[in-house]
N, C-alpha and C. Protein backbone atom coordinates (compact mmCIF):
# COMPACT_ATOMS: atom_id res chain seq x y z
N MET A 1 141.30 105.42 176.12
CA MET A 1 142.40 104.50 175.84
C MET A 1 142.04 103.65 174.63
N THR A 2 142.97 103.44 173.74
CA THR A 2 142.77 102.61 172.57
C THR A 2 142.93 101.15 172.95
N THR A 3 142.02 100.33 172.50
CA THR A 3 142.15 98.90 172.75
C THR A 3 142.06 98.16 171.43
N PHE A 4 142.74 97.04 171.39
CA PHE A 4 142.69 96.16 170.24
C PHE A 4 143.11 94.79 170.74
N SER A 5 142.75 93.76 170.02
CA SER A 5 143.11 92.43 170.49
C SER A 5 143.56 91.56 169.33
N GLY A 6 144.55 90.75 169.63
CA GLY A 6 145.09 89.70 168.79
C GLY A 6 144.99 89.84 167.28
N GLY A 7 145.56 88.88 166.63
CA GLY A 7 145.46 88.70 165.20
C GLY A 7 145.83 89.91 164.37
N ALA A 8 145.01 90.16 163.37
CA ALA A 8 145.29 91.21 162.38
C ALA A 8 145.28 92.60 163.01
N ALA A 9 144.40 92.84 163.98
CA ALA A 9 144.34 94.17 164.61
C ALA A 9 145.64 94.46 165.36
N LEU A 10 146.13 93.48 166.08
CA LEU A 10 147.39 93.65 166.82
C LEU A 10 148.54 93.84 165.85
N GLU A 11 148.58 93.03 164.82
CA GLU A 11 149.66 93.13 163.83
C GLU A 11 149.65 94.50 163.15
N ALA A 12 148.49 95.00 162.81
CA ALA A 12 148.39 96.31 162.16
C ALA A 12 148.84 97.42 163.11
N LYS A 13 148.44 97.34 164.37
CA LYS A 13 148.83 98.37 165.34
C LYS A 13 150.34 98.35 165.56
N LEU A 14 150.93 97.18 165.66
CA LEU A 14 152.38 97.07 165.84
C LEU A 14 153.13 97.60 164.62
N ALA A 15 152.62 97.33 163.43
CA ALA A 15 153.24 97.85 162.21
C ALA A 15 153.16 99.37 162.18
N GLU A 16 152.03 99.92 162.61
CA GLU A 16 151.86 101.38 162.67
C GLU A 16 152.86 102.00 163.66
N LEU A 17 153.01 101.37 164.81
CA LEU A 17 153.96 101.87 165.81
C LEU A 17 155.39 101.80 165.28
N ALA A 18 155.73 100.70 164.64
CA ALA A 18 157.09 100.55 164.10
C ALA A 18 157.37 101.62 163.06
N GLU A 19 156.38 101.95 162.25
CA GLU A 19 156.54 102.99 161.23
C GLU A 19 156.77 104.35 161.89
N LYS A 20 156.02 104.65 162.94
CA LYS A 20 156.17 105.94 163.63
C LYS A 20 157.51 106.05 164.34
N LEU A 21 157.99 104.93 164.86
CA LEU A 21 159.26 104.96 165.59
C LEU A 21 160.47 104.92 164.67
N GLY A 22 160.28 104.49 163.44
CA GLY A 22 161.38 104.48 162.49
C GLY A 22 162.48 103.52 162.90
N ASP A 23 163.73 103.94 162.69
CA ASP A 23 164.88 103.08 162.99
C ASP A 23 165.28 103.16 164.46
N GLY A 24 164.50 103.83 165.25
CA GLY A 24 164.79 103.92 166.67
C GLY A 24 165.48 105.21 167.04
N LYS A 25 165.33 105.55 168.29
CA LYS A 25 165.96 106.75 168.83
C LYS A 25 166.45 106.40 170.23
N THR A 26 167.42 107.16 170.69
CA THR A 26 167.98 106.96 172.02
C THR A 26 167.85 108.26 172.80
N LEU A 27 167.31 108.14 174.01
CA LEU A 27 167.20 109.27 174.93
C LEU A 27 168.32 109.15 175.95
N ARG A 28 169.10 110.23 176.09
CA ARG A 28 170.15 110.28 177.11
C ARG A 28 169.83 111.43 178.06
N VAL A 29 169.86 111.13 179.37
CA VAL A 29 169.58 112.15 180.38
C VAL A 29 170.73 112.15 181.37
N GLY A 30 171.22 113.32 181.70
CA GLY A 30 172.30 113.42 182.69
C GLY A 30 173.17 114.63 182.43
N PHE A 31 174.46 114.41 182.53
CA PHE A 31 175.45 115.46 182.33
C PHE A 31 176.14 115.17 181.01
N LEU A 32 175.73 115.86 179.98
CA LEU A 32 176.17 115.54 178.63
C LEU A 32 177.57 116.08 178.35
N GLU A 33 178.26 115.39 177.44
CA GLU A 33 179.61 115.81 177.09
C GLU A 33 179.58 117.25 176.59
N GLY A 34 180.62 117.96 176.94
CA GLY A 34 180.72 119.36 176.54
C GLY A 34 180.23 120.34 177.59
N ALA A 35 179.51 119.85 178.60
CA ALA A 35 179.05 120.75 179.67
C ALA A 35 180.23 121.09 180.58
N THR A 36 180.47 122.38 180.77
CA THR A 36 181.61 122.81 181.58
C THR A 36 181.21 123.93 182.54
N TYR A 37 182.03 124.06 183.56
CA TYR A 37 181.94 125.21 184.46
C TYR A 37 182.61 126.40 183.76
N PRO A 38 182.38 127.61 184.23
CA PRO A 38 183.01 128.78 183.60
C PRO A 38 184.53 128.67 183.50
N ASP A 39 185.17 127.94 184.43
CA ASP A 39 186.63 127.79 184.38
C ASP A 39 187.08 126.67 183.46
N GLY A 40 186.13 126.02 182.78
CA GLY A 40 186.46 124.95 181.84
C GLY A 40 186.40 123.56 182.43
N GLN A 41 186.20 123.44 183.72
CA GLN A 41 186.13 122.13 184.37
C GLN A 41 184.90 121.37 183.86
N SER A 42 185.07 120.08 183.62
CA SER A 42 184.01 119.23 183.08
C SER A 42 182.92 118.97 184.12
N VAL A 43 181.68 119.32 183.78
CA VAL A 43 180.55 119.04 184.68
C VAL A 43 180.37 117.53 184.87
N PRO A 44 180.44 116.70 183.80
CA PRO A 44 180.31 115.26 184.04
C PRO A 44 181.37 114.71 185.00
N MET A 45 182.58 115.24 184.96
CA MET A 45 183.62 114.77 185.88
C MET A 45 183.31 115.18 187.32
N VAL A 46 182.84 116.39 187.52
CA VAL A 46 182.46 116.85 188.86
C VAL A 46 181.28 116.02 189.37
N ALA A 47 180.31 115.77 188.51
CA ALA A 47 179.15 114.96 188.90
C ALA A 47 179.58 113.55 189.29
N ALA A 48 180.50 112.96 188.53
CA ALA A 48 180.99 111.62 188.85
C ALA A 48 181.73 111.62 190.18
N ALA A 49 182.54 112.64 190.44
CA ALA A 49 183.25 112.74 191.72
C ALA A 49 182.27 112.88 192.87
N ASN A 50 181.19 113.61 192.66
CA ASN A 50 180.16 113.72 193.69
C ASN A 50 179.42 112.40 193.88
N GLU A 51 179.08 111.76 192.79
CA GLU A 51 178.34 110.50 192.84
C GLU A 51 179.12 109.39 193.53
N TYR A 52 180.38 109.22 193.14
CA TYR A 52 181.19 108.09 193.62
C TYR A 52 182.17 108.46 194.72
N GLY A 53 182.30 109.74 195.00
CA GLY A 53 183.25 110.19 196.01
C GLY A 53 184.61 110.46 195.40
N ASP A 54 185.42 111.18 196.14
CA ASP A 54 186.77 111.53 195.70
C ASP A 54 187.67 111.50 196.93
N PRO A 55 188.25 110.32 197.23
CA PRO A 55 189.07 110.19 198.44
C PRO A 55 190.22 111.20 198.50
N ALA A 56 190.78 111.56 197.36
CA ALA A 56 191.90 112.51 197.36
C ALA A 56 191.46 113.89 197.87
N MET A 57 190.18 114.19 197.71
CA MET A 57 189.64 115.48 198.18
C MET A 57 188.84 115.30 199.48
N ASN A 58 188.93 114.10 200.06
CA ASN A 58 188.19 113.78 201.29
C ASN A 58 186.68 113.99 201.10
N ARG A 59 186.20 113.62 199.90
CA ARG A 59 184.79 113.78 199.56
C ARG A 59 184.12 112.40 199.53
N PRO A 60 183.12 112.17 200.38
CA PRO A 60 182.43 110.87 200.38
C PRO A 60 181.47 110.77 199.19
N PRO A 61 181.08 109.54 198.83
CA PRO A 61 180.08 109.38 197.77
C PRO A 61 178.74 110.02 198.18
N ARG A 62 178.13 110.68 197.24
CA ARG A 62 176.79 111.23 197.43
C ARG A 62 175.97 110.77 196.20
N PRO A 63 175.43 109.56 196.27
CA PRO A 63 174.85 108.90 195.09
C PRO A 63 173.47 109.41 194.67
N PHE A 64 173.42 110.65 194.26
CA PHE A 64 172.17 111.26 193.81
C PHE A 64 171.63 110.61 192.54
N PHE A 65 172.52 110.21 191.64
CA PHE A 65 172.10 109.65 190.36
C PHE A 65 171.60 108.21 190.55
N ARG A 66 172.41 107.39 191.21
CA ARG A 66 172.01 106.00 191.45
C ARG A 66 170.74 105.91 192.28
N ASN A 67 170.63 106.78 193.30
CA ASN A 67 169.43 106.77 194.13
C ASN A 67 168.20 107.11 193.31
N MET A 68 168.31 108.10 192.43
CA MET A 68 167.18 108.48 191.59
C MET A 68 166.78 107.34 190.67
N ILE A 69 167.76 106.70 190.05
CA ILE A 69 167.45 105.58 189.15
C ILE A 69 166.77 104.46 189.92
N ALA A 70 167.30 104.10 191.07
CA ALA A 70 166.71 103.02 191.87
C ALA A 70 165.28 103.35 192.29
N GLU A 71 165.05 104.60 192.63
CA GLU A 71 163.72 105.00 193.11
C GLU A 71 162.73 105.21 191.98
N LYS A 72 163.15 105.85 190.91
CA LYS A 72 162.21 106.29 189.88
C LYS A 72 162.08 105.37 188.66
N SER A 73 163.13 104.62 188.32
CA SER A 73 163.09 103.84 187.08
C SER A 73 161.98 102.79 187.03
N PRO A 74 161.55 102.21 188.17
CA PRO A 74 160.42 101.27 188.05
C PRO A 74 159.15 101.92 187.50
N GLU A 75 159.02 103.23 187.63
CA GLU A 75 157.84 103.95 187.14
C GLU A 75 157.96 104.33 185.66
N TRP A 76 159.18 104.29 185.10
CA TRP A 76 159.38 104.79 183.75
C TRP A 76 158.58 104.07 182.68
N PRO A 77 158.42 102.73 182.74
CA PRO A 77 157.61 102.09 181.69
C PRO A 77 156.17 102.62 181.65
N GLN A 78 155.57 102.81 182.82
CA GLN A 78 154.21 103.35 182.85
C GLN A 78 154.21 104.81 182.39
N ASP A 79 155.23 105.57 182.79
CA ASP A 79 155.31 106.97 182.39
C ASP A 79 155.42 107.10 180.87
N ILE A 80 156.31 106.31 180.27
CA ILE A 80 156.50 106.41 178.82
C ILE A 80 155.26 105.91 178.08
N ALA A 81 154.57 104.92 178.64
CA ALA A 81 153.34 104.44 178.00
C ALA A 81 152.29 105.54 177.96
N LYS A 82 152.13 106.26 179.07
CA LYS A 82 151.15 107.36 179.11
C LYS A 82 151.54 108.48 178.14
N ILE A 83 152.83 108.80 178.14
CA ILE A 83 153.32 109.86 177.24
C ILE A 83 153.16 109.43 175.79
N ALA A 84 153.47 108.17 175.49
CA ALA A 84 153.37 107.67 174.12
C ALA A 84 151.95 107.79 173.60
N GLU A 85 151.01 107.37 174.42
CA GLU A 85 149.61 107.44 173.99
C GLU A 85 149.17 108.90 173.82
N ALA A 86 149.58 109.75 174.75
CA ALA A 86 149.18 111.17 174.69
C ALA A 86 149.77 111.89 173.47
N THR A 87 150.90 111.43 172.98
CA THR A 87 151.56 112.08 171.84
C THR A 87 151.30 111.37 170.52
N GLY A 88 150.43 110.38 170.54
CA GLY A 88 150.16 109.65 169.31
C GLY A 88 151.37 108.86 168.84
N TYR A 89 152.21 108.47 169.77
CA TYR A 89 153.41 107.66 169.51
C TYR A 89 154.42 108.37 168.61
N ASP A 90 154.42 109.69 168.64
CA ASP A 90 155.43 110.44 167.91
C ASP A 90 156.74 110.36 168.70
N ALA A 91 157.73 109.66 168.15
CA ALA A 91 158.96 109.34 168.90
C ALA A 91 159.68 110.58 169.42
N GLU A 92 159.84 111.58 168.59
CA GLU A 92 160.60 112.77 168.99
C GLU A 92 159.89 113.51 170.14
N THR A 93 158.59 113.70 170.01
CA THR A 93 157.82 114.38 171.06
C THR A 93 157.78 113.54 172.32
N MET A 94 157.54 112.26 172.16
CA MET A 94 157.46 111.34 173.29
C MET A 94 158.77 111.33 174.08
N LEU A 95 159.88 111.19 173.39
CA LEU A 95 161.18 111.15 174.07
C LEU A 95 161.55 112.50 174.66
N GLY A 96 161.16 113.58 174.00
CA GLY A 96 161.41 114.91 174.57
C GLY A 96 160.69 115.10 175.89
N LEU A 97 159.43 114.70 175.94
CA LEU A 97 158.67 114.82 177.19
C LEU A 97 159.23 113.90 178.27
N MET A 98 159.63 112.70 177.88
CA MET A 98 160.22 111.78 178.86
C MET A 98 161.56 112.32 179.34
N GLY A 99 162.33 112.92 178.44
CA GLY A 99 163.61 113.52 178.82
C GLY A 99 163.41 114.62 179.85
N GLU A 100 162.43 115.49 179.63
CA GLU A 100 162.12 116.55 180.60
C GLU A 100 161.71 115.96 181.94
N HIS A 101 160.93 114.89 181.89
CA HIS A 101 160.45 114.23 183.10
C HIS A 101 161.62 113.67 183.92
N ILE A 102 162.50 112.92 183.29
CA ILE A 102 163.63 112.32 184.00
C ILE A 102 164.61 113.41 184.43
N LYS A 103 164.82 114.41 183.61
CA LYS A 103 165.67 115.55 183.99
C LYS A 103 165.17 116.16 185.30
N GLY A 104 163.88 116.38 185.40
CA GLY A 104 163.29 116.93 186.62
C GLY A 104 163.49 116.01 187.81
N GLN A 105 163.38 114.70 187.58
CA GLN A 105 163.60 113.75 188.66
C GLN A 105 165.05 113.80 189.14
N LEU A 106 165.99 113.90 188.20
CA LEU A 106 167.40 113.95 188.57
C LEU A 106 167.71 115.25 189.32
N GLN A 107 167.19 116.36 188.84
CA GLN A 107 167.40 117.62 189.55
C GLN A 107 166.77 117.57 190.95
N GLY A 108 165.62 116.94 191.07
CA GLY A 108 165.00 116.78 192.38
C GLY A 108 165.86 115.96 193.32
N SER A 109 166.50 114.92 192.80
CA SER A 109 167.38 114.09 193.61
C SER A 109 168.58 114.89 194.11
N ILE A 110 169.13 115.74 193.25
CA ILE A 110 170.25 116.59 193.66
C ILE A 110 169.79 117.55 194.76
N ARG A 111 168.63 118.15 194.58
CA ARG A 111 168.11 119.09 195.58
C ARG A 111 167.81 118.41 196.92
N ASP A 112 167.30 117.18 196.86
CA ASP A 112 166.84 116.49 198.07
C ASP A 112 167.94 115.81 198.86
N LEU A 113 169.06 115.49 198.23
CA LEU A 113 170.11 114.73 198.92
C LEU A 113 170.70 115.55 200.07
N MET A 114 170.70 114.95 201.25
CA MET A 114 171.26 115.61 202.44
C MET A 114 172.32 114.75 203.13
N GLU A 115 172.45 113.50 202.75
CA GLU A 115 173.40 112.58 203.38
C GLU A 115 174.34 112.01 202.33
N PRO A 116 175.60 111.88 202.66
CA PRO A 116 176.21 112.30 203.91
C PRO A 116 176.32 113.83 203.97
N ALA A 117 176.19 114.30 205.18
CA ALA A 117 176.23 115.75 205.42
C ALA A 117 177.62 116.30 205.14
N LEU A 118 177.68 117.58 204.85
CA LEU A 118 178.97 118.25 204.74
C LEU A 118 179.64 118.23 206.11
N SER A 119 180.95 118.23 206.10
CA SER A 119 181.69 118.25 207.37
C SER A 119 181.53 119.62 208.03
N PRO A 120 181.67 119.66 209.35
CA PRO A 120 181.59 120.96 210.04
C PRO A 120 182.61 121.97 209.51
N VAL A 121 183.78 121.49 209.11
CA VAL A 121 184.81 122.38 208.55
C VAL A 121 184.31 122.99 207.24
N THR A 122 183.72 122.16 206.38
CA THR A 122 183.20 122.65 205.10
C THR A 122 182.05 123.63 205.33
N ILE A 123 181.17 123.31 206.25
CA ILE A 123 180.05 124.21 206.55
C ILE A 123 180.57 125.56 207.02
N ALA A 124 181.56 125.54 207.91
CA ALA A 124 182.13 126.80 208.42
C ALA A 124 182.79 127.59 207.30
N LYS A 125 183.47 126.88 206.40
CA LYS A 125 184.18 127.54 205.30
C LYS A 125 183.22 128.13 204.27
N LYS A 126 182.16 127.36 203.92
CA LYS A 126 181.27 127.78 202.85
C LYS A 126 180.05 128.56 203.35
N GLY A 127 179.70 128.35 204.61
CA GLY A 127 178.57 129.08 205.16
C GLY A 127 177.21 128.47 204.90
N PHE A 128 177.15 127.25 204.42
CA PHE A 128 175.88 126.55 204.22
C PHE A 128 176.10 125.06 204.40
N SER A 129 175.00 124.32 204.58
CA SER A 129 175.12 122.90 204.89
C SER A 129 174.56 121.97 203.82
N LYS A 130 174.09 122.50 202.70
CA LYS A 130 173.46 121.68 201.67
C LYS A 130 174.51 121.08 200.74
N PRO A 131 174.64 119.74 200.74
CA PRO A 131 175.56 119.10 199.78
C PRO A 131 175.08 119.29 198.33
N LEU A 132 176.02 119.27 197.42
CA LEU A 132 175.80 119.24 195.96
C LEU A 132 175.35 120.56 195.34
N ILE A 133 174.96 121.54 196.13
CA ILE A 133 174.49 122.78 195.53
C ILE A 133 175.30 123.94 196.09
N GLU A 134 176.45 124.17 195.46
CA GLU A 134 177.28 125.30 195.88
C GLU A 134 176.96 126.50 195.00
N THR A 135 177.05 126.30 193.69
CA THR A 135 176.75 127.38 192.75
C THR A 135 175.49 127.07 191.93
N SER A 136 174.95 125.87 192.07
CA SER A 136 173.83 125.35 191.28
C SER A 136 174.21 125.07 189.83
N HIS A 137 175.49 125.18 189.49
CA HIS A 137 175.90 124.95 188.11
C HIS A 137 175.69 123.48 187.72
N MET A 138 176.07 122.54 188.59
CA MET A 138 175.86 121.13 188.28
C MET A 138 174.37 120.85 188.14
N LEU A 139 173.57 121.34 189.07
CA LEU A 139 172.12 121.17 189.03
C LEU A 139 171.54 121.69 187.72
N ASN A 140 171.95 122.87 187.32
CA ASN A 140 171.42 123.49 186.10
C ASN A 140 172.01 122.89 184.83
N SER A 141 173.03 122.06 184.96
CA SER A 141 173.64 121.41 183.79
C SER A 141 172.98 120.09 183.44
N VAL A 142 172.07 119.60 184.28
CA VAL A 142 171.35 118.37 183.94
C VAL A 142 170.59 118.64 182.65
N ASP A 143 170.72 117.73 181.69
CA ASP A 143 170.09 117.95 180.39
C ASP A 143 169.75 116.61 179.77
N TYR A 144 169.19 116.65 178.60
CA TYR A 144 168.91 115.42 177.85
C TYR A 144 169.09 115.71 176.37
N ASP A 145 169.28 114.64 175.62
CA ASP A 145 169.26 114.76 174.17
C ASP A 145 168.67 113.49 173.59
N ILE A 146 168.31 113.58 172.33
CA ILE A 146 167.71 112.47 171.60
C ILE A 146 168.57 112.23 170.38
N LYS A 147 169.06 111.01 170.25
CA LYS A 147 169.92 110.64 169.13
C LYS A 147 169.18 109.65 168.24
N ASP A 148 169.48 109.69 166.95
CA ASP A 148 168.94 108.69 166.04
C ASP A 148 169.64 107.36 166.28
N GLY A 149 168.90 106.29 166.14
CA GLY A 149 169.47 104.95 166.31
C GLY A 149 169.42 104.51 167.76
N VAL A 150 169.81 103.27 167.93
CA VAL A 150 169.80 102.69 169.29
C VAL A 150 171.19 102.30 169.72
């Protein structure tokens, strides 16, 4: 681990980091615009209906995204710090690795969610009891991107 303390050493290290990070970058993880099912239906809209529920379809909320953020986000500062040091603070590489990490956490949350359970009618109709994974299309549509700027 690299260590430095106060004064000129700290100022030099911060200037070096600022130079490597440039004007900033933004990491987005989730269901990105343009993701669709084969029939053209928007994956982000389906994900939102699953997350918040859809009373018109008698679908209760299944908060896989909010649960993942609540559970995992406290670890993200330490995760990004380890990744940053391992990548020499290269912003693109660092954010790409963090994007893969959070993507995996979100996919894990989708796989792990079991409550609320599917209704007995739905189970009988579809032949399985696992919520959120009918075709795995939503699960496989989780992605990330890195944009310039903040």
